[in-house]
Protein backbone atom coordinates (compact mmCIF):
# COMPACT_ATOMS: atom_id res chain seq x y z
CA UNK A 1 39.28 -7.25 99.85
CA UNK A 2 40.64 -8.42 96.31
CA UNK A 3 40.72 -5.08 94.12
CA UNK A 4 42.66 -6.42 91.44
CA UNK A 5 39.34 -8.55 90.85
CA UNK A 6 37.22 -5.95 90.70
CA UNK A 7 39.43 -3.88 88.17
CA UNK A 8 39.35 -7.07 86.23
CA UNK A 9 35.96 -7.53 85.83
CA UNK A 10 35.42 -3.45 85.23
CA UNK A 11 37.30 -3.91 82.37
CA UNK A 12 35.64 -6.79 81.17
CA UNK A 13 32.20 -5.35 81.74
CA UNK A 14 33.13 -1.82 79.82
CA UNK A 15 35.28 -3.90 77.09
CA UNK A 16 31.46 -5.72 76.35
CA UNK A 17 30.02 -2.03 76.36
CA UNK A 18 32.29 -0.87 73.86
CA UNK A 19 31.81 -3.85 71.62
CA UNK A 20 28.24 -3.60 71.61
CA UNK A 21 28.70 0.21 70.71
CA UNK A 22 31.39 -0.86 67.91
CA UNK A 23 28.64 -3.22 66.62
CA UNK A 24 25.49 -1.02 66.78
CA UNK A 25 27.73 1.76 64.74
CA UNK A 26 28.55 -0.98 61.92
CA UNK A 27 25.19 -1.75 61.96
CA UNK A 28 23.97 1.61 61.37
CA UNK A 29 26.40 2.31 58.93
CA UNK A 30 25.25 -0.67 56.89
CA UNK A 31 21.83 0.78 56.80
CA UNK A 32 22.68 3.86 55.79
CA UNK A 33 24.68 2.51 52.73
CA UNK A 34 21.82 -0.01 52.18
CA UNK A 35 19.65 3.27 52.06
CA UNK A 36 21.69 5.61 49.95
CA UNK A 37 21.97 2.85 47.52
CA UNK A 38 18.64 2.49 47.03
CA UNK A 39 18.12 6.16 46.44
CA UNK A 40 21.33 6.09 44.41
CA UNK A 41 20.17 3.75 41.75
CA UNK A 42 17.41 5.51 40.87
CA UNK A 43 19.15 7.89 39.63
CA UNK A 44 21.97 5.18 38.10
CA UNK A 45 22.92 6.23 34.29
CA UNK A 46 22.31 2.51 33.83
CA UNK A 47 19.05 2.05 35.14
CA UNK A 48 17.46 4.73 33.23
CA UNK A 49 18.92 3.24 29.78
CA UNK A 50 17.88 0.12 30.71
CA UNK A 51 14.05 1.94 31.25
CA UNK A 52 14.70 3.86 27.51
CA UNK A 53 15.72 0.86 26.03
CA UNK A 54 12.34 -1.27 27.32
CA UNK A 55 10.65 1.30 26.50
CA UNK A 56 11.62 1.84 22.82
CA UNK A 57 10.68 -1.69 21.89
CA UNK A 58 7.30 -0.93 22.86
CA UNK A 59 7.74 1.93 19.86
CA UNK A 60 7.96 -1.36 17.65
CA UNK A 61 4.47 -2.49 18.48
CA UNK A 62 6.65 -6.10 19.82
CA UNK A 63 6.27 -8.04 22.76
CA UNK A 64 10.31 -7.92 24.07
CA UNK A 65 8.99 -6.75 27.63
CA UNK A 66 6.58 -9.28 28.49
CA UNK A 67 7.96 -11.77 26.77
CA UNK A 68 11.48 -12.45 25.14
CA UNK A 69 10.44 -15.36 23.28
CA UNK A 70 8.08 -13.57 21.57
CA UNK A 71 9.42 -10.92 18.78
CA UNK A 72 7.13 -8.69 16.46
CA UNK A 73 9.02 -6.01 15.61
CA UNK A 74 7.92 -3.76 13.01
CA UNK A 75 9.49 -4.62 9.40
CA UNK A 76 9.81 -1.81 6.17
CA UNK A 77 7.32 -2.37 3.74
CA UNK A 78 7.71 -2.82 0.12
CA UNK A 79 5.15 -2.52 -3.22
CA UNK A 80 5.93 -4.22 -6.16
CA UNK A 81 4.38 -2.88 -9.23
CA UNK A 82 4.21 0.45 -10.45
CA UNK A 83 0.74 2.86 -11.41
CA UNK A 84 1.90 3.89 -15.00
CA UNK A 85 0.08 1.72 -17.64
CA UNK A 86 3.55 1.38 -18.91
CA UNK A 87 6.73 2.42 -17.25
CA UNK A 88 8.45 3.08 -20.35
CA UNK A 89 8.21 6.49 -22.08
CA UNK A 90 6.42 6.72 -25.41
CA UNK A 91 5.81 9.19 -28.25
CA UNK A 92 2.35 10.46 -28.62
CA UNK A 93 0.55 13.27 -30.18
CA UNK A 94 -1.57 14.60 -27.32
CA UNK A 95 -5.45 16.64 -28.52
CA UNK A 96 -6.07 19.32 -25.65
CA UNK A 97 -9.49 20.41 -25.07
CA UNK A 98 -8.43 24.08 -25.39
CA UNK A 99 -8.85 25.11 -28.91
CA UNK A 100 -8.60 21.80 -30.32
CA UNK A 101 -4.69 22.31 -30.20
CA UNK A 102 -2.35 19.10 -30.73
CA UNK A 103 1.13 18.53 -29.19
CA UNK A 104 2.98 16.15 -31.73
CA UNK A 105 5.41 13.68 -31.04
CA UNK A 106 6.48 14.32 -27.11
CA UNK A 107 7.32 11.49 -24.45
CA UNK A 108 4.55 10.76 -22.27
CA UNK A 109 3.39 8.19 -20.07
CA UNK A 110 -0.17 7.23 -18.07
CA UNK A 111 -0.65 7.23 -14.58
CA UNK A 112 -3.76 5.33 -13.79
CA UNK A 113 -4.00 6.14 -9.88
CA UNK A 114 -4.63 9.90 -10.62
CA UNK A 115 -5.63 9.69 -14.14
CA UNK A 116 -2.93 12.25 -15.28
CA UNK A 117 -0.61 12.25 -18.44
CA UNK A 118 3.08 12.68 -17.51
CA UNK A 119 5.00 14.61 -20.07
CA UNK A 120 8.29 15.64 -20.73
CA UNK A 121 8.98 18.68 -21.20
CA UNK A 122 12.44 20.47 -22.10
CA UNK A 123 14.07 18.39 -19.52
CA UNK A 124 11.52 18.39 -16.86
CA UNK A 125 8.13 15.87 -16.51
CA UNK A 126 4.61 18.08 -16.25
CA UNK A 127 1.16 16.68 -15.95
CA UNK A 128 -2.13 16.71 -17.93
CA UNK A 129 -4.90 15.46 -15.94
CA UNK A 130 -7.46 13.72 -18.09
CA UNK A 131 -10.13 16.74 -18.00
CA UNK A 132 -8.03 18.35 -20.53
CA UNK A 133 -7.08 16.04 -22.83
CA UNK A 134 -9.62 14.63 -25.59
CA UNK A 135 -7.46 11.54 -26.88
CA UNK A 136 -3.72 10.64 -27.30
CA UNK A 137 -2.42 8.77 -30.15
CA UNK A 138 0.67 6.94 -29.58
CA UNK A 139 3.34 6.90 -32.87
CA UNK A 140 4.98 3.49 -32.38
CA UNK A 141 1.89 1.34 -32.12
CA UNK A 142 -0.77 3.19 -32.95
CA UNK A 143 -3.10 2.97 -29.59
CA UNK A 144 -5.62 5.52 -29.56
CA UNK A 145 -6.94 6.83 -25.84
CA UNK A 146 -9.80 8.73 -25.76
CA UNK A 147 -10.89 10.72 -22.14
CA UNK A 148 -14.28 11.75 -20.03
CA UNK A 149 -14.70 14.55 -22.54
CA UNK A 150 -15.48 12.60 -25.39
CA UNK A 151 -17.77 10.28 -23.72
CA UNK A 152 -19.34 12.92 -21.12
CA UNK A 153 -18.94 10.44 -18.64
CA UNK A 154 -18.70 10.48 -14.57
CA UNK A 155 -16.28 8.03 -14.78
CA UNK A 156 -12.64 10.14 -15.35
CA UNK A 157 -9.66 8.40 -17.11
CA UNK A 158 -8.27 6.86 -20.08
CA UNK A 159 -10.17 4.52 -22.53
CA UNK A 160 -8.41 2.66 -25.36
CA UNK A 161 -9.96 2.02 -28.21
CA UNK A 162 -10.39 -1.28 -29.43
CA UNK A 163 -13.07 -0.95 -32.21
CA UNK A 164 -14.00 1.81 -33.24
CA UNK A 165 -16.88 1.41 -35.06
CA UNK A 166 -21.15 2.03 -34.95
CA UNK A 167 -20.45 0.46 -31.55
CA UNK A 168 -17.06 0.74 -30.24
CA UNK A 169 -15.32 -1.37 -27.59
CA UNK A 170 -13.29 0.55 -25.17
CA UNK A 171 -10.90 -0.59 -22.28
CA UNK A 172 -10.74 1.38 -19.25
CA UNK A 173 -7.50 0.25 -16.44
CA UNK A 174 -8.00 0.76 -13.17
CA UNK A 175 -5.09 -0.33 -10.52
CA UNK A 176 -6.25 -1.83 -7.13
CA UNK A 177 -3.45 -2.46 -4.21
CA UNK A 178 -2.95 -6.15 -3.44
CA UNK A 179 -2.15 -5.69 0.88
CA UNK A 180 0.93 -8.05 2.11
CA UNK A 181 -0.15 -11.36 3.67
CA UNK A 182 3.22 -12.71 5.15
CA UNK A 183 3.00 -14.01 8.30
CA UNK A 184 6.00 -13.62 10.53
CA UNK A 185 6.01 -16.43 12.47
CA UNK A 186 5.64 -18.70 10.12
CA UNK A 187 7.53 -17.41 7.33
CA UNK A 188 5.05 -17.80 4.59
CA UNK A 189 2.97 -15.56 2.20
CA UNK A 190 3.68 -12.57 0.41
CA UNK A 191 6.19 -10.18 1.94
CA UNK A 192 4.92 -6.87 -0.23
CA UNK A 193 1.67 -5.28 -1.34
CA UNK A 194 1.43 -5.63 -4.95
CA UNK A 195 -0.31 -3.60 -7.56
CA UNK A 196 -2.46 -4.91 -9.90
CA UNK A 197 -3.98 -3.28 -12.74
CA UNK A 198 -7.46 -4.51 -14.04
CA UNK A 199 -9.33 -4.07 -17.04
CA UNK A 200 -13.01 -3.06 -17.38
CA UNK A 201 -14.92 -3.13 -20.96
CA UNK A 202 -17.05 -0.62 -22.39
CA UNK A 203 -19.25 -0.40 -25.39
CA UNK A 204 -19.98 2.65 -26.64
CA UNK A 205 -22.62 3.64 -28.77
CA UNK A 206 -23.77 7.57 -29.45
CA UNK A 207 -24.10 8.89 -26.44
CA UNK A 208 -24.54 5.74 -24.69
CA UNK A 209 -21.73 4.05 -22.09
CA UNK A 210 -22.57 0.29 -21.33
CA UNK A 211 -20.21 -1.49 -19.17
CA UNK A 212 -19.81 -5.35 -19.74
CA UNK A 213 -20.56 -7.73 -17.29
CA UNK A 214 -16.76 -9.05 -16.12
CA UNK A 215 -17.79 -12.95 -15.76
CA UNK A 216 -19.11 -15.11 -18.08
CA UNK A 217 -22.55 -15.56 -15.90
CA UNK A 218 -22.67 -11.52 -15.80
CA UNK A 219 -22.41 -11.23 -19.32
CA UNK A 220 -24.96 -13.64 -19.83
CA UNK A 221 -27.55 -11.87 -17.43
CA UNK A 222 -26.56 -8.57 -19.00
CA UNK A 223 -27.99 -9.74 -22.45
CA UNK A 224 -30.52 -12.90 -21.65
CA UNK A 225 -33.20 -10.84 -22.56
CA UNK A 226 -31.50 -10.81 -26.07
CA UNK A 227 -31.71 -14.23 -27.03
CA UNK A 228 -29.87 -13.36 -30.29
CA UNK A 229 -26.98 -12.43 -28.73
CA UNK A 230 -27.48 -14.91 -25.67
CA UNK A 231 -27.11 -17.05 -27.76
CA UNK A 232 -23.99 -15.80 -29.48
CA UNK A 233 -22.55 -15.70 -26.19
CA UNK A 234 -23.28 -19.13 -25.32
CA UNK A 235 -22.10 -20.84 -28.83
CA UNK A 236 -19.05 -18.93 -29.58
CA UNK A 237 -17.70 -18.78 -25.73
CA UNK A 238 -17.50 -15.20 -25.20
CA UNK A 239 -14.70 -14.38 -22.42
CA UNK A 240 -15.54 -11.37 -20.96
CA UNK A 241 -11.82 -11.18 -19.70
CA UNK A 242 -10.97 -11.88 -23.43
CA UNK A 243 -9.94 -8.69 -25.31
CA UNK A 244 -9.89 -10.82 -28.23
CA UNK A 245 -12.91 -12.67 -27.78
CA UNK A 246 -15.04 -9.44 -26.62
CA UNK A 247 -13.69 -7.85 -30.01
CA UNK A 248 -15.41 -10.45 -31.69
CA UNK A 249 -18.87 -9.97 -30.17
CA UNK A 250 -18.52 -6.36 -30.53
CA UNK A 251 -17.85 -7.06 -34.24
CA UNK A 252 -21.10 -9.07 -34.18
CA UNK A 253 -22.96 -6.26 -32.94
CA UNK A 254 -21.77 -4.40 -36.00
CA UNK A 255 -21.90 -6.59 -38.63
CA UNK A 256 -25.40 -7.92 -37.88
CA UNK A 257 -27.00 -3.94 -37.26
CA UNK A 258 -27.69 -4.96 -33.43
CA UNK A 259 -29.14 -1.66 -31.64
CA UNK A 260 -28.26 -1.83 -28.18
């Protein structure tokens, strides 16, 4: 019997067994490492910050997460214009409702949105609502404004007197906001919203306040049962959006002693 061959055979089998054990341990360690990496990635700082960054994009209302080629981030909106009739401060005499008292030569400006008069007094800005004021006379241009207190009207605000006669012509200014129509994809349109001032014209006679039509067709329809006035509007092309044209119309009413 060749013992040497048997020993070599045992050594060969033992070596193969050891190799299998080593390979098994290596495979086990590899699987453990993969498992631990997967678990640690859940708490990996980079992973959480990436999720926060992705979520923060959603706060802008965009489509960054779903479509990187389409970006709709919110933008800061601006506004053009002012709610003041005139941004500059002008000296005026204010005739108050209470005790018919008068404040003379004080700097003021009219806030059309709030129907208030801002007043500079001892280095501060004070506010007077229209219902506390009877009238305002500006010192330089002598423009006269009256309020709903004189007109006994439910439409609060300041009315500029354009014609002061038996039939008076008044103008009340309103404001509205024209929204932005900007298209970010086309880079076209108006980026900023705009404050627009509008004029509404009235005839005031006695206790009656009559608002005039804002278009030519509405103005003619308003007086279509008064042939004399209707013809005057047609022949003189009275424009209800033009102050001079309306002054001409009201002067005709007063000169002809026409009762509305």
